[in-house]
C-alpha atoms as a PDB file:
ATOM      1  CA  UNK A   1      23.452  64.339 -51.279  1.00  0.00           C
ATOM      2  CA  UNK A   2      20.053  64.080 -49.566  1.00  0.00           C
ATOM      3  CA  UNK A   3      19.986  64.250 -45.783  1.00  0.00           C
ATOM      4  CA  UNK A   4      18.734  61.194 -43.904  1.00  0.00           C
ATOM      5  CA  UNK A   5      15.487  61.601 -41.959  1.00  0.00           C
ATOM      6  CA  UNK A   6      15.259  60.773 -38.248  1.00  0.00           C
ATOM      7  CA  UNK A   7      12.095  60.518 -36.136  1.00  0.00           C
ATOM      8  CA  UNK A   8      12.734  61.308 -32.462  1.00  0.00           C
ATOM      9  CA  UNK A   9      10.099  59.901 -30.068  1.00  0.00           C
ATOM     10  CA  UNK A  10      10.475  61.142 -26.486  1.00  0.00           C
ATOM     11  CA  UNK A  11       8.075  62.761 -24.008  1.00  0.00           C
ATOM     12  CA  UNK A  12      10.909  64.853 -22.532  1.00  0.00           C
ATOM     13  CA  UNK A  13      11.194  68.267 -24.156  1.00  0.00           C
ATOM     14  CA  UNK A  14      14.760  68.569 -22.839  1.00  0.00           C
ATOM     15  CA  UNK A  15      15.793  65.401 -24.669  1.00  0.00           C
ATOM     16  CA  UNK A  16      14.086  66.512 -27.892  1.00  0.00           C
ATOM     17  CA  UNK A  17      15.881  69.878 -27.737  1.00  0.00           C
ATOM     18  CA  UNK A  18      19.212  68.175 -27.008  1.00  0.00           C
ATOM     19  CA  UNK A  19      18.869  65.732 -29.910  1.00  0.00           C
ATOM     20  CA  UNK A  20      17.905  68.620 -32.200  1.00  0.00           C
ATOM     21  CA  UNK A  21      21.082  70.469 -31.211  1.00  0.00           C
ATOM     22  CA  UNK A  22      23.294  67.417 -31.650  1.00  0.00           C
ATOM     23  CA  UNK A  23      21.874  66.047 -34.916  1.00  0.00           C
ATOM     24  CA  UNK A  24      19.875  68.900 -36.456  1.00  0.00           C
ATOM     25  CA  UNK A  25      22.659  70.227 -38.685  1.00  0.00           C
ATOM     26  CA  UNK A  26      23.369  66.920 -40.390  1.00  0.00           C
ATOM     27  CA  UNK A  27      19.935  65.268 -40.516  1.00  0.00           C
ATOM     28  CA  UNK A  28      16.271  66.164 -41.061  1.00  0.00           C
ATOM     29  CA  UNK A  29      14.503  65.639 -37.721  1.00  0.00           C
ATOM     30  CA  UNK A  30      10.847  65.168 -36.867  1.00  0.00           C
ATOM     31  CA  UNK A  31       9.655  65.066 -33.239  1.00  0.00           C
ATOM     32  CA  UNK A  32       6.905  63.055 -31.508  1.00  0.00           C
ATOM     33  CA  UNK A  33       6.045  63.131 -27.802  1.00  0.00           C
ATOM     34  CA  UNK A  34       3.493  60.316 -27.473  1.00  0.00           C
ATOM     35  CA  UNK A  35       2.585  56.995 -29.102  1.00  0.00           C
ATOM     36  CA  UNK A  36      -0.155  58.388 -31.359  1.00  0.00           C
ATOM     37  CA  UNK A  37       2.178  61.047 -32.757  1.00  0.00           C
ATOM     38  CA  UNK A  38       4.935  58.463 -33.110  1.00  0.00           C
ATOM     39  CA  UNK A  39       2.882  56.081 -35.250  1.00  0.00           C
ATOM     40  CA  UNK A  40       1.307  58.835 -37.365  1.00  0.00           C
ATOM     41  CA  UNK A  41       4.636  60.513 -38.072  1.00  0.00           C
ATOM     42  CA  UNK A  42       6.397  57.208 -38.705  1.00  0.00           C
ATOM     43  CA  UNK A  43       3.926  56.612 -41.546  1.00  0.00           C
ATOM     44  CA  UNK A  44       3.816  60.180 -42.912  1.00  0.00           C
ATOM     45  CA  UNK A  45       7.493  61.115 -42.458  1.00  0.00           C
ATOM     46  CA  UNK A  46       8.901  57.722 -43.546  1.00  0.00           C
ATOM     47  CA  UNK A  47      12.126  58.116 -41.532  1.00  0.00           C
ATOM     48  CA  UNK A  48      15.429  56.405 -42.283  1.00  0.00           C
ATOM     49  CA  UNK A  49      15.967  55.928 -38.529  1.00  0.00           C
ATOM     50  CA  UNK A  50      13.868  56.175 -35.354  1.00  0.00           C
ATOM     51  CA  UNK A  51      15.190  57.222 -31.929  1.00  0.00           C
ATOM     52  CA  UNK A  52      12.666  55.858 -29.439  1.00  0.00           C
ATOM     53  CA  UNK A  53      12.273  56.354 -25.691  1.00  0.00           C
ATOM     54  CA  UNK A  54      11.058  53.348 -23.697  1.00  0.00           C
ATOM     55  CA  UNK A  55       9.428  55.070 -20.699  1.00  0.00           C
ATOM     56  CA  UNK A  56       6.611  56.887 -22.513  1.00  0.00           C
ATOM     57  CA  UNK A  57       3.596  58.234 -20.550  1.00  0.00           C
ATOM     58  CA  UNK A  58       0.822  56.490 -22.511  1.00  0.00           C
ATOM     59  CA  UNK A  59       2.335  53.396 -24.162  1.00  0.00           C
ATOM     60  CA  UNK A  60       5.762  51.863 -23.680  1.00  0.00           C
ATOM     61  CA  UNK A  61       8.412  52.286 -26.347  1.00  0.00           C
ATOM     62  CA  UNK A  62       8.422  48.503 -26.650  1.00  0.00           C
ATOM     63  CA  UNK A  63       4.788  48.563 -27.788  1.00  0.00           C
ATOM     64  CA  UNK A  64       5.458  51.433 -30.214  1.00  0.00           C
ATOM     65  CA  UNK A  65       8.435  49.514 -31.626  1.00  0.00           C
ATOM     66  CA  UNK A  66       6.293  46.398 -32.050  1.00  0.00           C
ATOM     67  CA  UNK A  67       3.562  48.334 -33.889  1.00  0.00           C
ATOM     68  CA  UNK A  68       6.044  50.036 -36.184  1.00  0.00           C
ATOM     69  CA  UNK A  69       7.821  46.766 -37.016  1.00  0.00           C
ATOM     70  CA  UNK A  70       4.488  45.058 -37.772  1.00  0.00           C
ATOM     71  CA  UNK A  71       3.970  47.309 -40.816  1.00  0.00           C
ATOM     72  CA  UNK A  72       5.476  45.977 -44.059  1.00  0.00           C
ATOM     73  CA  UNK A  73       6.775  49.356 -45.176  1.00  0.00           C
ATOM     74  CA  UNK A  74       8.592  49.967 -41.862  1.00  0.00           C
ATOM     75  CA  UNK A  75       9.764  46.519 -40.795  1.00  0.00           C
ATOM     76  CA  UNK A  76      13.310  47.299 -41.978  1.00  0.00           C
ATOM     77  CA  UNK A  77      13.468  50.802 -40.491  1.00  0.00           C
ATOM     78  CA  UNK A  78      16.281  50.793 -37.880  1.00  0.00           C
ATOM     79  CA  UNK A  79      15.250  51.740 -34.326  1.00  0.00           C
ATOM     80  CA  UNK A  80      17.589  52.925 -31.582  1.00  0.00           C
ATOM     81  CA  UNK A  81      16.208  52.929 -28.032  1.00  0.00           C
ATOM     82  CA  UNK A  82      17.099  55.954 -25.895  1.00  0.00           C
ATOM     83  CA  UNK A  83      16.180  55.154 -22.320  1.00  0.00           C
ATOM     84  CA  UNK A  84      16.918  55.588 -18.636  1.00  0.00           C
ATOM     85  CA  UNK A  85      15.553  52.032 -18.203  1.00  0.00           C
ATOM     86  CA  UNK A  86      18.808  50.179 -17.620  1.00  0.00           C
ATOM     87  CA  UNK A  87      19.787  46.532 -17.293  1.00  0.00           C
ATOM     88  CA  UNK A  88      20.336  43.586 -19.592  1.00  0.00           C
ATOM     89  CA  UNK A  89      16.644  42.558 -19.537  1.00  0.00           C
ATOM     90  CA  UNK A  90      15.651  45.902 -21.047  1.00  0.00           C
ATOM     91  CA  UNK A  91      18.266  45.545 -23.759  1.00  0.00           C
ATOM     92  CA  UNK A  92      17.286  41.958 -24.567  1.00  0.00           C
ATOM     93  CA  UNK A  93      13.613  42.943 -24.839  1.00  0.00           C
ATOM     94  CA  UNK A  94      14.528  45.792 -27.167  1.00  0.00           C
ATOM     95  CA  UNK A  95      16.683  43.618 -29.408  1.00  0.00           C
ATOM     96  CA  UNK A  96      14.013  40.898 -29.566  1.00  0.00           C
ATOM     97  CA  UNK A  97      11.524  43.486 -30.829  1.00  0.00           C
ATOM     98  CA  UNK A  98      13.906  44.485 -33.596  1.00  0.00           C
ATOM     99  CA  UNK A  99      15.826  47.448 -32.162  1.00  0.00           C
ATOM    100  CA  UNK A 100      19.289  47.795 -33.655  1.00  0.00           C
ATOM    101  CA  UNK A 101      20.972  49.732 -30.810  1.00  0.00           C
ATOM    102  CA  UNK A 102      20.329  50.798 -27.227  1.00  0.00           C
ATOM    103  CA  UNK A 103      21.670  54.029 -25.673  1.00  0.00           C
ATOM    104  CA  UNK A 104      21.237  54.666 -21.968  1.00  0.00           C
ATOM    105  CA  UNK A 105      20.315  58.087 -20.588  1.00  0.00           C
ATOM    106  CA  UNK A 106      22.062  60.255 -19.662  1.00  0.00           C
ATOM    107  CA  UNK A 107      24.196  59.849 -22.760  1.00  0.00           C
ATOM    108  CA  UNK A 108      27.204  61.682 -24.099  1.00  0.00           C
ATOM    109  CA  UNK A 109      26.377  63.756 -27.164  1.00  0.00           C
ATOM    110  CA  UNK A 110      29.380  62.319 -29.013  1.00  0.00           C
ATOM    111  CA  UNK A 111      28.141  58.783 -28.314  1.00  0.00           C
ATOM    112  CA  UNK A 112      24.712  59.601 -29.760  1.00  0.00           C
ATOM    113  CA  UNK A 113      26.273  61.208 -32.814  1.00  0.00           C
ATOM    114  CA  UNK A 114      28.623  58.299 -33.483  1.00  0.00           C
ATOM    115  CA  UNK A 115      25.971  55.579 -33.030  1.00  0.00           C
ATOM    116  CA  UNK A 116      23.515  57.392 -35.320  1.00  0.00           C
ATOM    117  CA  UNK A 117      26.192  58.013 -37.968  1.00  0.00           C
ATOM    118  CA  UNK A 118      27.280  54.369 -37.834  1.00  0.00           C
ATOM    119  CA  UNK A 119      23.749  52.955 -38.149  1.00  0.00           C
ATOM    120  CA  UNK A 120      22.867  55.217 -41.088  1.00  0.00           C
ATOM    121  CA  UNK A 121      26.158  54.421 -42.862  1.00  0.00           C
ATOM    122  CA  UNK A 122      25.341  50.708 -42.615  1.00  0.00           C
ATOM    123  CA  UNK A 123      21.780  51.250 -43.849  1.00  0.00           C
ATOM    124  CA  UNK A 124      23.094  53.210 -46.837  1.00  0.00           C
ATOM    125  CA  UNK A 125      25.631  50.504 -47.639  1.00  0.00           C
ATOM    126  CA  UNK A 126      22.952  47.810 -47.496  1.00  0.00           C
ATOM    127  CA  UNK A 127      20.591  49.783 -49.751  1.00  0.00           C
ATOM    128  CA  UNK A 128      23.231  50.248 -52.432  1.00  0.00           C
ATOM    129  CA  UNK A 129      23.536  46.463 -52.777  1.00  0.00           C
ATOM    130  CA  UNK A 130      19.836  45.748 -52.650  1.00  0.00           C
ATOM    131  CA  UNK A 131      19.272  44.135 -56.039  1.00  0.00           C
ATOM    132  CA  UNK A 132      16.639  41.411 -55.829  1.00  0.00           C
ATOM    133  CA  UNK A 133      16.335  38.718 -58.488  1.00  0.00           C
ATOM    134  CA  UNK A 134      13.108  36.782 -59.038  1.00  0.00           C
ATOM    135  CA  UNK A 135      13.840  34.375 -61.913  1.00  0.00           C
ATOM    136  CA  UNK A 136      13.507  36.625 -64.992  1.00  0.00           C
ATOM    137  CA  UNK A 137      12.486  39.799 -63.114  1.00  0.00           C
ATOM    138  CA  UNK A 138      15.102  41.919 -61.327  1.00  0.00           C
ATOM    139  CA  UNK A 139      14.249  44.731 -58.911  1.00  0.00           C
ATOM    140  CA  UNK A 140      16.659  47.497 -57.914  1.00  0.00           C
ATOM    141  CA  UNK A 141      15.172  48.604 -54.588  1.00  0.00           C
ATOM    142  CA  UNK A 142      16.931  51.984 -54.106  1.00  0.00           C
ATOM    143  CA  UNK A 143      16.338  53.211 -57.674  1.00  0.00           C
ATOM    144  CA  UNK A 144      12.996  51.403 -58.155  1.00  0.00           C
ATOM    145  CA  UNK A 145      14.133  50.064 -61.532  1.00  0.00           C
ATOM    146  CA  UNK A 146      12.637  46.880 -62.964  1.00  0.00           C
ATOM    147  CA  UNK A 147      14.274  44.647 -65.564  1.00  0.00           C
ATOM    148  CA  UNK A 148      12.077  42.018 -67.246  1.00  0.00           C
ATOM    149  CA  UNK A 149      14.005  39.386 -69.229  1.00  0.00           C
ATOM    150  CA  UNK A 150      16.948  41.751 -69.629  1.00  0.00           C
ATOM    151  CA  UNK A 151      14.809  44.722 -70.693  1.00  0.00           C
ATOM    152  CA  UNK A 152      14.288  47.746 -68.443  1.00  0.00           C
ATOM    153  CA  UNK A 153      10.579  48.482 -68.016  1.00  0.00           C
ATOM    154  CA  UNK A 154       9.215  51.694 -66.505  1.00  0.00           C
ATOM    155  CA  UNK A 155       7.107  51.256 -63.352  1.00  0.00           C
ATOM    156  CA  UNK A 156       5.467  54.046 -61.364  1.00  0.00           C
ATOM    157  CA  UNK A 157       6.329  54.181 -57.657  1.00  0.00           C
ATOM    158  CA  UNK A 158       3.022  52.525 -56.692  1.00  0.00           C
ATOM    159  CA  UNK A 159       3.402  49.845 -59.366  1.00  0.00           C
ATOM    160  CA  UNK A 160       6.916  49.110 -58.117  1.00  0.00           C
ATOM    161  CA  UNK A 161       5.696  48.726 -54.541  1.00  0.00           C
ATOM    162  CA  UNK A 162       2.954  46.335 -55.641  1.00  0.00           C
ATOM    163  CA  UNK A 163       5.160  44.122 -57.835  1.00  0.00           C
ATOM    164  CA  UNK A 164       7.763  44.003 -55.054  1.00  0.00           C
ATOM    165  CA  UNK A 165       5.102  42.992 -52.506  1.00  0.00           C
ATOM    166  CA  UNK A 166       3.685  40.310 -54.817  1.00  0.00           C
ATOM    167  CA  UNK A 167       7.093  38.847 -55.679  1.00  0.00           C
ATOM    168  CA  UNK A 168       8.107  38.720 -52.013  1.00  0.00           C
ATOM    169  CA  UNK A 169       4.933  36.700 -51.449  1.00  0.00           C
ATOM    170  CA  UNK A 170       4.963  34.442 -54.511  1.00  0.00           C
ATOM    171  CA  UNK A 171       2.050  31.946 -54.519  1.00  0.00           C
ATOM    172  CA  UNK A 172       0.394  33.717 -51.568  1.00  0.00           C
ATOM    173  CA  UNK A 173      -2.960  35.464 -51.978  1.00  0.00           C
ATOM    174  CA  UNK A 174      -2.857  39.134 -50.973  1.00  0.00           C
ATOM    175  CA  UNK A 175      -6.100  41.009 -50.394  1.00  0.00           C
ATOM    176  CA  UNK A 176      -6.817  44.324 -52.127  1.00  0.00           C
ATOM    177  CA  UNK A 177      -6.866  45.908 -48.676  1.00  0.00           C
ATOM    178  CA  UNK A 178      -3.368  44.645 -47.859  1.00  0.00           C
ATOM    179  CA  UNK A 179      -1.983  45.851 -51.177  1.00  0.00           C
ATOM    180  CA  UNK A 180      -3.692  49.230 -50.825  1.00  0.00           C
ATOM    181  CA  UNK A 181      -2.391  49.658 -47.277  1.00  0.00           C
ATOM    182  CA  UNK A 182       1.114  48.855 -48.552  1.00  0.00           C
ATOM    183  CA  UNK A 183       1.113  51.642 -51.146  1.00  0.00           C
ATOM    184  CA  UNK A 184      -1.086  54.203 -49.347  1.00  0.00           C
ATOM    185  CA  UNK A 185      -1.030  53.527 -45.585  1.00  0.00           C
ATOM    186  CA  UNK A 186      -3.650  55.493 -43.679  1.00  0.00           C
ATOM    187  CA  UNK A 187      -5.183  56.949 -46.862  1.00  0.00           C
ATOM    188  CA  UNK A 188      -8.822  56.160 -46.135  1.00  0.00           C
ATOM    189  CA  UNK A 189     -10.069  58.074 -49.192  1.00  0.00           C
ATOM    190  CA  UNK A 190      -8.313  55.658 -51.545  1.00  0.00           C
ATOM    191  CA  UNK A 191     -10.544  53.044 -53.156  1.00  0.00           C
ATOM    192  CA  UNK A 192      -9.334  49.467 -53.252  1.00  0.00           C
ATOM    193  CA  UNK A 193     -10.633  49.236 -56.843  1.00  0.00           C
ATOM    194  CA  UNK A 194      -7.592  51.334 -57.703  1.00  0.00           C
ATOM    195  CA  UNK A 195      -5.660  48.126 -57.153  1.00  0.00           C
ATOM    196  CA  UNK A 196      -7.468  46.477 -60.078  1.00  0.00           C
ATOM    197  CA  UNK A 197      -6.196  49.255 -62.359  1.00  0.00           C
ATOM    198  CA  UNK A 198      -2.637  48.835 -61.099  1.00  0.00           C
ATOM    199  CA  UNK A 199      -2.820  45.060 -61.548  1.00  0.00           C
ATOM    200  CA  UNK A 200      -3.948  45.465 -65.184  1.00  0.00           C
ATOM    201  CA  UNK A 201      -0.922  47.687 -65.844  1.00  0.00           C
ATOM    202  CA  UNK A 202       1.413  45.225 -64.109  1.00  0.00           C
ATOM    203  CA  UNK A 203       0.103  42.311 -66.143  1.00  0.00           C
ATOM    204  CA  UNK A 204       0.944  44.193 -69.343  1.00  0.00           C
ATOM    205  CA  UNK A 205       4.419  45.117 -68.124  1.00  0.00           C
ATOM    206  CA  UNK A 206       5.464  41.602 -67.029  1.00  0.00           C
ATOM    207  CA  UNK A 207       3.683  39.788 -69.882  1.00  0.00           C
ATOM    208  CA  UNK A 208       6.966  38.513 -71.389  1.00  0.00           C
ATOM    209  CA  UNK A 209       8.148  37.103 -68.058  1.00  0.00           C
ATOM    210  CA  UNK A 210       7.550  33.696 -66.533  1.00  0.00           C
ATOM    211  CA  UNK A 211       5.282  35.241 -63.901  1.00  0.00           C
ATOM    212  CA  UNK A 212       1.517  35.637 -64.008  1.00  0.00           C
ATOM    213  CA  UNK A 213      -0.714  37.636 -61.668  1.00  0.00           C
ATOM    214  CA  UNK A 214      -3.847  35.614 -60.896  1.00  0.00           C
ATOM    215  CA  UNK A 215      -7.144  36.917 -59.556  1.00  0.00           C
ATOM    216  CA  UNK A 216      -8.571  34.923 -56.650  1.00  0.00           C
ATOM    217  CA  UNK A 217     -12.315  35.538 -56.551  1.00  0.00           C
ATOM    218  CA  UNK A 218     -13.428  37.359 -53.411  1.00  0.00           C
ATOM    219  CA  UNK A 219      -9.898  37.299 -51.974  1.00  0.00           C
ATOM    220  CA  UNK A 220      -7.426  39.349 -54.008  1.00  0.00           C
ATOM    221  CA  UNK A 221      -4.380  38.555 -56.124  1.00  0.00           C
ATOM    222  CA  UNK A 222      -1.347  36.302 -56.178  1.00  0.00           C
ATOM    223  CA  UNK A 223       1.665  36.042 -58.435  1.00  0.00           C
ATOM    224  CA  UNK A 224       2.833  32.641 -59.659  1.00  0.00           C
ATOM    225  CA  UNK A 225       5.653  31.382 -61.856  1.00  0.00           C
ATOM    226  CA  UNK A 226       4.386  29.520 -64.907  1.00  0.00           C
ATOM    227  CA  UNK A 227       5.239  25.836 -65.026  1.00  0.00           C
END
């Protein structure tokens, strides 16, 4: 069974070392000590969970959380705040921004271990049931399988991400830039004309379905259900 990946964001080396000792045997850990590292590694490492300090030296953990949650590919990534900033206001702010748990420093190692285990168990359980139906197209999110009118059709990972994004935004125009950023975030060498090639392949693969991918001149693409 593959180990879950955890990004630990904290400017305190002592905390990073402690978390490594407590969780390092069971999970794959990546460390970040400032906001720039946090955002870069969140994109590159694609963690299953983020442990995030609030009192960071350059930008607050709240701001980092907000930036992470604003990205489509990370909006469902669970975040646990680790902070010496106590009080109900701090907790409420964290929860409003999308944090799933809040652990106050100093914390007991067993508490950290149990909260992390619990959150990742719930995430795993949710993923296993994540089958999304869009009329005659069914997406299995964990396995990236696509069924079109009862027939399994092979999609590459990038094609799957694009069809999922389009179907989640049925009837909405998505720019090439938005689609490209969804499948290759931060990859500035990628050309948005690649998207045209992917769209051509998708059109072929969903041809039998009730859905059509329309080009919107100068804007991008949208998927619609035929009348």
